[in-house]
Amino acid sequence: MSNEDVIQNFMVVALGTFLCPNLTQFPISEYLMPLVDALKCREWNWCEFVYQWLMMQIRKYSDLKKKAEHCFIGVGGCLYLLCVSGLL
């Protein structure tokens, strides 16, 4: 595998399972576009992206929690970030 392929595969796994997980098994399309050119993925502000993804998932969780018809509600996003920051 080329270096670019290794970077792309690593980033898809890292983002989909650790940094920006969602409640499905599939990676989200928002972070696949920067990985088309793996050398440019360094230019992306990944910290801000992970933070914004977590905040969006928390808002979604809060909205779903208000609706009683949902029997299962989960939170996406990097929950490790909350643990490290002491918010969880």
PDB file of N, CA and C in Angstrom:
ATOM      1  N   MET A   1       0.840  -1.186   0.000  1.00  0.00           N
ATOM      2  CA  MET A   1       0.000   0.000   0.000  1.00  0.00           C
ATOM      3  C   MET A   1       0.882   1.245   0.000  1.00  0.00           C
ATOM      4  N   SER A   2       0.406   2.253  -0.664  1.00  0.00           N
ATOM      5  CA  SER A   2       1.146   3.513  -0.678  1.00  0.00           C
ATOM      6  C   SER A   2       0.912   4.248   0.642  1.00  0.00           C
ATOM      7  N   ASN A   3       1.753   5.246   0.905  1.00  0.00           N
ATOM      8  CA  ASN A   3       1.588   6.054   2.123  1.00  0.00           C
ATOM      9  C   ASN A   3       0.226   6.729   2.159  1.00  0.00           C
ATOM     10  N   GLU A   4      -0.229   7.191   1.006  1.00  0.00           N
ATOM     11  CA  GLU A   4      -1.526   7.866   0.940  1.00  0.00           C
ATOM     12  C   GLU A   4      -2.663   6.905   1.293  1.00  0.00           C
ATOM     13  N   ASP A   5      -2.579   5.662   0.822  1.00  0.00           N
ATOM     14  CA  ASP A   5      -3.600   4.663   1.145  1.00  0.00           C
ATOM     15  C   ASP A   5      -3.611   4.346   2.642  1.00  0.00           C
ATOM     16  N   VAL A   6      -2.433   4.245   3.232  1.00  0.00           N
ATOM     17  CA  VAL A   6      -2.337   3.966   4.668  1.00  0.00           C
ATOM     18  C   VAL A   6      -2.963   5.102   5.476  1.00  0.00           C
ATOM     19  N   ILE A   7      -2.656   6.341   5.096  1.00  0.00           N
ATOM     20  CA  ILE A   7      -3.220   7.506   5.792  1.00  0.00           C
ATOM     21  C   ILE A   7      -4.733   7.520   5.665  1.00  0.00           C
ATOM     22  N   GLN A   8      -5.244   7.295   4.456  1.00  0.00           N
ATOM     23  CA  GLN A   8      -6.686   7.299   4.243  1.00  0.00           C
ATOM     24  C   GLN A   8      -7.376   6.222   5.073  1.00  0.00           C
ATOM     25  N   ASN A   9      -6.854   5.022   5.047  1.00  0.00           N
ATOM     26  CA  ASN A   9      -7.463   3.925   5.810  1.00  0.00           C
ATOM     27  C   ASN A   9      -7.407   4.188   7.307  1.00  0.00           C
ATOM     28  N   PHE A  10      -6.279   4.675   7.788  1.00  0.00           N
ATOM     29  CA  PHE A  10      -6.153   4.974   9.209  1.00  0.00           C
ATOM     30  C   PHE A  10      -7.150   6.053   9.625  1.00  0.00           C
ATOM     31  N   MET A  11      -7.258   7.112   8.832  1.00  0.00           N
ATOM     32  CA  MET A  11      -8.157   8.213   9.180  1.00  0.00           C
ATOM     33  C   MET A  11      -9.620   7.783   9.162  1.00  0.00           C
ATOM     34  N   VAL A  12     -10.023   6.956   8.213  1.00  0.00           N
ATOM     35  CA  VAL A  12     -11.414   6.479   8.173  1.00  0.00           C
ATOM     36  C   VAL A  12     -11.723   5.659   9.419  1.00  0.00           C
ATOM     37  N   VAL A  13     -10.824   4.779   9.809  1.00  0.00           N
ATOM     38  CA  VAL A  13     -11.047   3.966  11.005  1.00  0.00           C
ATOM     39  C   VAL A  13     -11.016   4.825  12.259  1.00  0.00           C
ATOM     40  N   ALA A  14     -10.031   5.707  12.369  1.00  0.00           N
ATOM     41  CA  ALA A  14      -9.908   6.557  13.561  1.00  0.00           C
ATOM     42  C   ALA A  14     -11.115   7.479  13.711  1.00  0.00           C
ATOM     43  N   LEU A  15     -11.550   8.070  12.621  1.00  0.00           N
ATOM     44  CA  LEU A  15     -12.693   8.979  12.693  1.00  0.00           C
ATOM     45  C   LEU A  15     -13.988   8.220  12.933  1.00  0.00           C
ATOM     46  N   GLY A  16     -14.176   7.106  12.260  1.00  0.00           N
ATOM     47  CA  GLY A  16     -15.426   6.361  12.370  1.00  0.00           C
ATOM     48  C   GLY A  16     -15.615   5.641  13.688  1.00  0.00           C
ATOM     49  N   THR A  17     -14.535   5.283  14.359  1.00  0.00           N
ATOM     50  CA  THR A  17     -14.676   4.515  15.606  1.00  0.00           C
ATOM     51  C   THR A  17     -14.306   5.291  16.863  1.00  0.00           C
ATOM     52  N   PHE A  18     -13.431   6.263  16.754  1.00  0.00           N
ATOM     53  CA  PHE A  18     -12.922   6.925  17.945  1.00  0.00           C
ATOM     54  C   PHE A  18     -13.254   8.415  18.005  1.00  0.00           C
ATOM     55  N   LEU A  19     -12.935   9.144  16.962  1.00  0.00           N
ATOM     56  CA  LEU A  19     -13.067  10.601  17.005  1.00  0.00           C
ATOM     57  C   LEU A  19     -14.459  11.113  16.661  1.00  0.00           C
ATOM     58  N   CYS A  20     -15.096  10.545  15.665  1.00  0.00           N
ATOM     59  CA  CYS A  20     -16.414  11.037  15.209  1.00  0.00           C
ATOM     60  C   CYS A  20     -17.393   9.894  14.982  1.00  0.00           C
ATOM     61  N   PRO A  21     -17.570   9.018  15.957  1.00  0.00           N
ATOM     62  CA  PRO A  21     -18.511   7.928  15.723  1.00  0.00           C
ATOM     63  C   PRO A  21     -19.946   8.442  15.692  1.00  0.00           C
ATOM     64  N   ASN A  22     -20.787   7.713  14.979  1.00  0.00           N
ATOM     65  CA  ASN A  22     -22.212   8.010  14.995  1.00  0.00           C
ATOM     66  C   ASN A  22     -22.928   6.760  15.491  1.00  0.00           C
ATOM     67  N   LEU A  23     -24.209   6.724  15.402  1.00  0.00           N
ATOM     68  CA  LEU A  23     -24.963   5.595  15.943  1.00  0.00           C
ATOM     69  C   LEU A  23     -25.169   4.485  14.928  1.00  0.00           C
ATOM     70  N   THR A  24     -24.593   4.623  13.746  1.00  0.00           N
ATOM     71  CA  THR A  24     -24.658   3.566  12.747  1.00  0.00           C
ATOM     72  C   THR A  24     -23.265   2.973  12.576  1.00  0.00           C
ATOM     73  N   GLN A  25     -23.189   1.938  11.773  1.00  0.00           N
ATOM     74  CA  GLN A  25     -21.903   1.286  11.532  1.00  0.00           C
ATOM     75  C   GLN A  25     -21.112   1.946  10.416  1.00  0.00           C
ATOM     76  N   PHE A  26     -21.722   2.889   9.715  1.00  0.00           N
ATOM     77  CA  PHE A  26     -21.122   3.444   8.515  1.00  0.00           C
ATOM     78  C   PHE A  26     -20.464   4.786   8.798  1.00  0.00           C
ATOM     79  N   PRO A  27     -19.313   5.049   8.165  1.00  0.00           N
ATOM     80  CA  PRO A  27     -18.680   6.361   8.346  1.00  0.00           C
ATOM     81  C   PRO A  27     -19.526   7.459   7.707  1.00  0.00           C
ATOM     82  N   ILE A  28     -19.411   8.649   8.231  1.00  0.00           N
ATOM     83  CA  ILE A  28     -20.192   9.770   7.714  1.00  0.00           C
ATOM     84  C   ILE A  28     -19.461  10.391   6.531  1.00  0.00           C
ATOM     85  N   SER A  29     -20.214  10.953   5.629  1.00  0.00           N
ATOM     86  CA  SER A  29     -19.612  11.490   4.410  1.00  0.00           C
ATOM     87  C   SER A  29     -18.899  12.811   4.636  1.00  0.00           C
ATOM     88  N   GLU A  30     -19.166  13.515   5.747  1.00  0.00           N
ATOM     89  CA  GLU A  30     -18.544  14.824   5.978  1.00  0.00           C
ATOM     90  C   GLU A  30     -17.022  14.740   6.068  1.00  0.00           C
ATOM     91  N   TYR A  31     -16.483  13.653   6.586  1.00  0.00           N
ATOM     92  CA  TYR A  31     -15.028  13.592   6.695  1.00  0.00           C
ATOM     93  C   TYR A  31     -14.385  12.738   5.604  1.00  0.00           C
ATOM     94  N   LEU A  32     -15.158  12.198   4.709  1.00  0.00           N
ATOM     95  CA  LEU A  32     -14.562  11.438   3.619  1.00  0.00           C
ATOM     96  C   LEU A  32     -13.983  12.343   2.534  1.00  0.00           C
ATOM     97  N   MET A  33     -14.574  13.499   2.317  1.00  0.00           N
ATOM     98  CA  MET A  33     -14.090  14.400   1.271  1.00  0.00           C
ATOM     99  C   MET A  33     -12.644  14.866   1.507  1.00  0.00           C
ATOM    100  N   PRO A  34     -12.271  15.291   2.702  1.00  0.00           N
ATOM    101  CA  PRO A  34     -10.867  15.692   2.896  1.00  0.00           C
ATOM    102  C   PRO A  34      -9.891  14.536   2.725  1.00  0.00           C
ATOM    103  N   LEU A  35     -10.371  13.307   2.816  1.00  0.00           N
ATOM    104  CA  LEU A  35      -9.479  12.156   2.702  1.00  0.00           C
ATOM    105  C   LEU A  35      -9.265  11.710   1.267  1.00  0.00           C
ATOM    106  N   VAL A  36      -9.945  12.356   0.319  1.00  0.00           N
ATOM    107  CA  VAL A  36      -9.718  12.028  -1.086  1.00  0.00           C
ATOM    108  C   VAL A  36      -8.265  12.315  -1.441  1.00  0.00           C
ATOM    109  N   ASP A  37      -7.758  13.433  -0.967  1.00  0.00           N
ATOM    110  CA  ASP A  37      -6.343  13.768  -1.138  1.00  0.00           C
ATOM    111  C   ASP A  37      -5.710  13.718   0.251  1.00  0.00           C
ATOM    112  N   ALA A  38      -5.133  12.580   0.586  1.00  0.00           N
ATOM    113  CA  ALA A  38      -4.630  12.354   1.937  1.00  0.00           C
ATOM    114  C   ALA A  38      -3.544  13.340   2.334  1.00  0.00           C
ATOM    115  N   LEU A  39      -2.811  13.853   1.372  1.00  0.00           N
ATOM    116  CA  LEU A  39      -1.758  14.805   1.707  1.00  0.00           C
ATOM    117  C   LEU A  39      -2.341  16.139   2.165  1.00  0.00           C
ATOM    118  N   LYS A  40      -3.549  16.471   1.719  1.00  0.00           N
ATOM    119  CA  LYS A  40      -4.187  17.713   2.135  1.00  0.00           C
ATOM    120  C   LYS A  40      -4.970  17.557   3.441  1.00  0.00           C
ATOM    121  N   CYS A  41      -5.098  16.340   3.947  1.00  0.00           N
ATOM    122  CA  CYS A  41      -5.865  16.156   5.179  1.00  0.00           C
ATOM    123  C   CYS A  41      -5.179  16.835   6.362  1.00  0.00           C
ATOM    124  N   ARG A  42      -3.907  17.126   6.240  1.00  0.00           N
ATOM    125  CA  ARG A  42      -3.202  17.859   7.298  1.00  0.00           C
ATOM    126  C   ARG A  42      -3.680  19.299   7.403  1.00  0.00           C
ATOM    127  N   GLU A  43      -4.209  19.826   6.316  1.00  0.00           N
ATOM    128  CA  GLU A  43      -4.674  21.210   6.295  1.00  0.00           C
ATOM    129  C   GLU A  43      -6.027  21.388   6.981  1.00  0.00           C
ATOM    130  N   TRP A  44      -6.762  20.311   7.156  1.00  0.00           N
ATOM    131  CA  TRP A  44      -8.079  20.389   7.792  1.00  0.00           C
ATOM    132  C   TRP A  44      -7.914  20.632   9.282  1.00  0.00           C
ATOM    133  N   ASN A  45      -8.815  21.378   9.879  1.00  0.00           N
ATOM    134  CA  ASN A  45      -8.809  21.596  11.320  1.00  0.00           C
ATOM    135  C   ASN A  45      -9.603  20.462  11.968  1.00  0.00           C
ATOM    136  N   TRP A  46      -8.941  19.337  12.207  1.00  0.00           N
ATOM    137  CA  TRP A  46      -9.608  18.147  12.727  1.00  0.00           C
ATOM    138  C   TRP A  46     -10.094  18.348  14.148  1.00  0.00           C
ATOM    139  N   CYS A  47      -9.360  19.120  14.938  1.00  0.00           N
ATOM    140  CA  CYS A  47      -9.791  19.372  16.324  1.00  0.00           C
ATOM    141  C   CYS A  47     -11.145  20.073  16.344  1.00  0.00           C
ATOM    142  N   GLU A  48     -11.282  21.105  15.525  1.00  0.00           N
ATOM    143  CA  GLU A  48     -12.555  21.817  15.463  1.00  0.00           C
ATOM    144  C   GLU A  48     -13.658  20.915  14.916  1.00  0.00           C
ATOM    145  N   PHE A  49     -13.330  20.097  13.916  1.00  0.00           N
ATOM    146  CA  PHE A  49     -14.319  19.194  13.339  1.00  0.00           C
ATOM    147  C   PHE A  49     -14.824  18.191  14.376  1.00  0.00           C
ATOM    148  N   VAL A  50     -13.906  17.583  15.135  1.00  0.00           N
ATOM    149  CA  VAL A  50     -14.300  16.608  16.164  1.00  0.00           C
ATOM    150  C   VAL A  50     -15.152  17.286  17.236  1.00  0.00           C
ATOM    151  N   TYR A  51     -14.769  18.494  17.640  1.00  0.00           N
ATOM    152  CA  TYR A  51     -15.537  19.234  18.642  1.00  0.00           C
ATOM    153  C   TYR A  51     -16.932  19.578  18.122  1.00  0.00           C
ATOM    154  N   GLN A  52     -17.022  20.099  16.902  1.00  0.00           N
ATOM    155  CA  GLN A  52     -18.319  20.454  16.325  1.00  0.00           C
ATOM    156  C   GLN A  52     -19.203  19.224  16.146  1.00  0.00           C
ATOM    157  N   TRP A  53     -18.609  18.098  15.748  1.00  0.00           N
ATOM    158  CA  TRP A  53     -19.369  16.854  15.595  1.00  0.00           C
ATOM    159  C   TRP A  53     -19.937  16.418  16.950  1.00  0.00           C
ATOM    160  N   LEU A  54     -19.130  16.502  17.993  1.00  0.00           N
ATOM    161  CA  LEU A  54     -19.592  16.125  19.334  1.00  0.00           C
ATOM    162  C   LEU A  54     -20.728  17.029  19.789  1.00  0.00           C
ATOM    163  N   MET A  55     -20.600  18.329  19.595  1.00  0.00           N
ATOM    164  CA  MET A  55     -21.656  19.262  20.004  1.00  0.00           C
ATOM    165  C   MET A  55     -22.955  19.003  19.237  1.00  0.00           C
ATOM    166  N   MET A  56     -22.840  18.701  17.947  1.00  0.00           N
ATOM    167  CA  MET A  56     -24.022  18.399  17.148  1.00  0.00           C
ATOM    168  C   MET A  56     -24.695  17.124  17.645  1.00  0.00           C
ATOM    169  N   GLN A  57     -23.903  16.121  18.001  1.00  0.00           N
ATOM    170  CA  GLN A  57     -24.462  14.868  18.493  1.00  0.00           C
ATOM    171  C   GLN A  57     -25.127  15.045  19.864  1.00  0.00           C
ATOM    172  N   ILE A  58     -24.553  15.887  20.707  1.00  0.00           N
ATOM    173  CA  ILE A  58     -25.157  16.166  22.021  1.00  0.00           C
ATOM    174  C   ILE A  58     -26.487  16.893  21.851  1.00  0.00           C
ATOM    175  N   ARG A  59     -26.530  17.860  20.931  1.00  0.00           N
ATOM    176  CA  ARG A  59     -27.795  18.554  20.658  1.00  0.00           C
ATOM    177  C   ARG A  59     -28.847  17.589  20.132  1.00  0.00           C
ATOM    178  N   LYS A  60     -28.440  16.699  19.226  1.00  0.00           N
ATOM    179  CA  LYS A  60     -29.361  15.708  18.675  1.00  0.00           C
ATOM    180  C   LYS A  60     -29.877  14.793  19.791  1.00  0.00           C
ATOM    181  N   TYR A  61     -28.985  14.364  20.680  1.00  0.00           N
ATOM    182  CA  TYR A  61     -29.366  13.524  21.815  1.00  0.00           C
ATOM    183  C   TYR A  61     -30.367  14.251  22.709  1.00  0.00           C
ATOM    184  N   SER A  62     -30.103  15.516  22.996  1.00  0.00           N
ATOM    185  CA  SER A  62     -31.004  16.299  23.855  1.00  0.00           C
ATOM    186  C   SER A  62     -32.379  16.437  23.223  1.00  0.00           C
ATOM    187  N   ASP A  63     -32.431  16.670  21.922  1.00  0.00           N
ATOM    188  CA  ASP A  63     -33.716  16.790  21.236  1.00  0.00           C
ATOM    189  C   ASP A  63     -34.475  15.472  21.241  1.00  0.00           C
ATOM    190  N   LEU A  64     -33.771  14.365  20.987  1.00  0.00           N
ATOM    191  CA  LEU A  64     -34.434  13.056  20.981  1.00  0.00           C
ATOM    192  C   LEU A  64     -34.911  12.650  22.370  1.00  0.00           C
ATOM    193  N   LYS A  65     -34.171  13.052  23.380  1.00  0.00           N
ATOM    194  CA  LYS A  65     -34.525  12.685  24.755  1.00  0.00           C
ATOM    195  C   LYS A  65     -35.858  13.323  25.165  1.00  0.00           C
ATOM    196  N   LYS A  66     -36.181  14.470  24.578  1.00  0.00           N
ATOM    197  CA  LYS A  66     -37.434  15.159  24.893  1.00  0.00           C
ATOM    198  C   LYS A  66     -38.640  14.448  24.286  1.00  0.00           C
ATOM    199  N   LYS A  67     -38.413  13.601  23.279  1.00  0.00           N
ATOM    200  CA  LYS A  67     -39.498  12.882  22.620  1.00  0.00           C
ATOM    201  C   LYS A  67     -39.618  11.493  23.242  1.00  0.00           C
ATOM    202  N   ALA A  68     -40.753  11.208  23.789  1.00  0.00           N
ATOM    203  CA  ALA A  68     -40.947   9.967  24.536  1.00  0.00           C
ATOM    204  C   ALA A  68     -41.046   8.735  23.643  1.00  0.00           C
ATOM    205  N   GLU A  69     -41.300   8.899  22.344  1.00  0.00           N
ATOM    206  CA  GLU A  69     -41.521   7.739  21.489  1.00  0.00           C
ATOM    207  C   GLU A  69     -40.248   6.967  21.151  1.00  0.00           C
ATOM    208  N   HIS A  70     -39.075   7.507  21.486  1.00  0.00           N
ATOM    209  CA  HIS A  70     -37.827   6.805  21.200  1.00  0.00           C
ATOM    210  C   HIS A  70     -37.486   5.857  22.343  1.00  0.00           C
ATOM    211  N   CYS A  71     -37.382   4.555  22.017  1.00  0.00           N
ATOM    212  CA  CYS A  71     -37.063   3.581  23.058  1.00  0.00           C
ATOM    213  C   CYS A  71     -35.553   3.475  23.277  1.00  0.00           C
ATOM    214  N   PHE A  72     -34.766   3.794  22.260  1.00  0.00           N
ATOM    215  CA  PHE A  72     -33.306   3.753  22.405  1.00  0.00           C
ATOM    216  C   PHE A  72     -32.741   5.085  21.945  1.00  0.00           C
ATOM    217  N   ILE A  73     -31.981   5.701  22.795  1.00  0.00           N
ATOM    218  CA  ILE A  73     -31.324   6.959  22.447  1.00  0.00           C
ATOM    219  C   ILE A  73     -29.850   6.807  22.781  1.00  0.00           C
ATOM    220  N   GLY A  74     -29.014   7.067  21.816  1.00  0.00           N
ATOM    221  CA  GLY A  74     -27.583   6.989  22.040  1.00  0.00           C
ATOM    222  C   GLY A  74     -26.925   8.307  21.673  1.00  0.00           C
ATOM    223  N   VAL A  75     -25.699   8.451  22.106  1.00  0.00           N
ATOM    224  CA  VAL A  75     -24.944   9.662  21.816  1.00  0.00           C
ATOM    225  C   VAL A  75     -23.790   9.302  20.901  1.00  0.00           C
ATOM    226  N   GLY A  76     -23.654  10.035  19.809  1.00  0.00           N
ATOM    227  CA  GLY A  76     -22.502   9.891  18.946  1.00  0.00           C
ATOM    228  C   GLY A  76     -21.443  10.898  19.369  1.00  0.00           C
ATOM    229  N   GLY A  77     -20.361  10.923  18.660  1.00  0.00           N
ATOM    230  CA  GLY A  77     -19.307  11.879  18.981  1.00  0.00           C
ATOM    231  C   GLY A  77     -18.247  11.270  19.867  1.00  0.00           C
ATOM    232  N   CYS A  78     -17.186  11.991  20.039  1.00  0.00           N
ATOM    233  CA  CYS A  78     -16.037  11.505  20.805  1.00  0.00           C
ATOM    234  C   CYS A  78     -16.300  11.666  22.301  1.00  0.00           C
ATOM    235  N   LEU A  79     -16.835  10.625  22.914  1.00  0.00           N
ATOM    236  CA  LEU A  79     -17.129  10.685  24.341  1.00  0.00           C
ATOM    237  C   LEU A  79     -15.858  10.707  25.179  1.00  0.00           C
ATOM    238  N   TYR A  80     -14.747  10.269  24.590  1.00  0.00           N
ATOM    239  CA  TYR A  80     -13.462  10.342  25.296  1.00  0.00           C
ATOM    240  C   TYR A  80     -13.078  11.792  25.575  1.00  0.00           C
ATOM    241  N   LEU A  81     -13.483  12.681  24.678  1.00  0.00           N
ATOM    242  CA  LEU A  81     -13.223  14.105  24.860  1.00  0.00           C
ATOM    243  C   LEU A  81     -13.897  14.610  26.132  1.00  0.00           C
ATOM    244  N   LEU A  82     -15.118  14.152  26.380  1.00  0.00           N
ATOM    245  CA  LEU A  82     -15.824  14.557  27.602  1.00  0.00           C
ATOM    246  C   LEU A  82     -15.134  13.990  28.844  1.00  0.00           C
ATOM    247  N   CYS A  83     -14.658  12.760  28.756  1.00  0.00           N
ATOM    248  CA  CYS A  83     -13.960  12.153  29.897  1.00  0.00           C
ATOM    249  C   CYS A  83     -12.676  12.908  30.226  1.00  0.00           C
ATOM    250  N   VAL A  84     -11.909  13.226  29.206  1.00  0.00           N
ATOM    251  CA  VAL A  84     -10.642  13.926  29.422  1.00  0.00           C
ATOM    252  C   VAL A  84     -10.876  15.326  29.962  1.00  0.00           C
ATOM    253  N   SER A  85     -11.930  15.971  29.473  1.00  0.00           N
ATOM    254  CA  SER A  85     -12.202  17.338  29.935  1.00  0.00           C
ATOM    255  C   SER A  85     -12.872  17.375  31.297  1.00  0.00           C
ATOM    256  N   GLY A  86     -13.285  16.223  31.804  1.00  0.00           N
ATOM    257  CA  GLY A  86     -13.899  16.150  33.135  1.00  0.00           C
ATOM    258  C   GLY A  86     -15.384  16.478  33.141  1.00  0.00           C
ATOM    259  N   LEU A  87     -16.019  16.499  31.987  1.00  0.00           N
ATOM    260  CA  LEU A  87     -17.435  16.827  31.921  1.00  0.00           C
ATOM    261  C   LEU A  87     -18.320  15.601  32.073  1.00  0.00           C
ATOM    262  N   LEU A  88     -17.765  14.426  32.011  1.00  0.00           N
ATOM    263  CA  LEU A  88     -18.563  13.210  32.094  1.00  0.00           C
ATOM    264  C   LEU A  88     -18.346  12.516  33.415  1.00  0.00           C
TER     265      LEU A  88
END
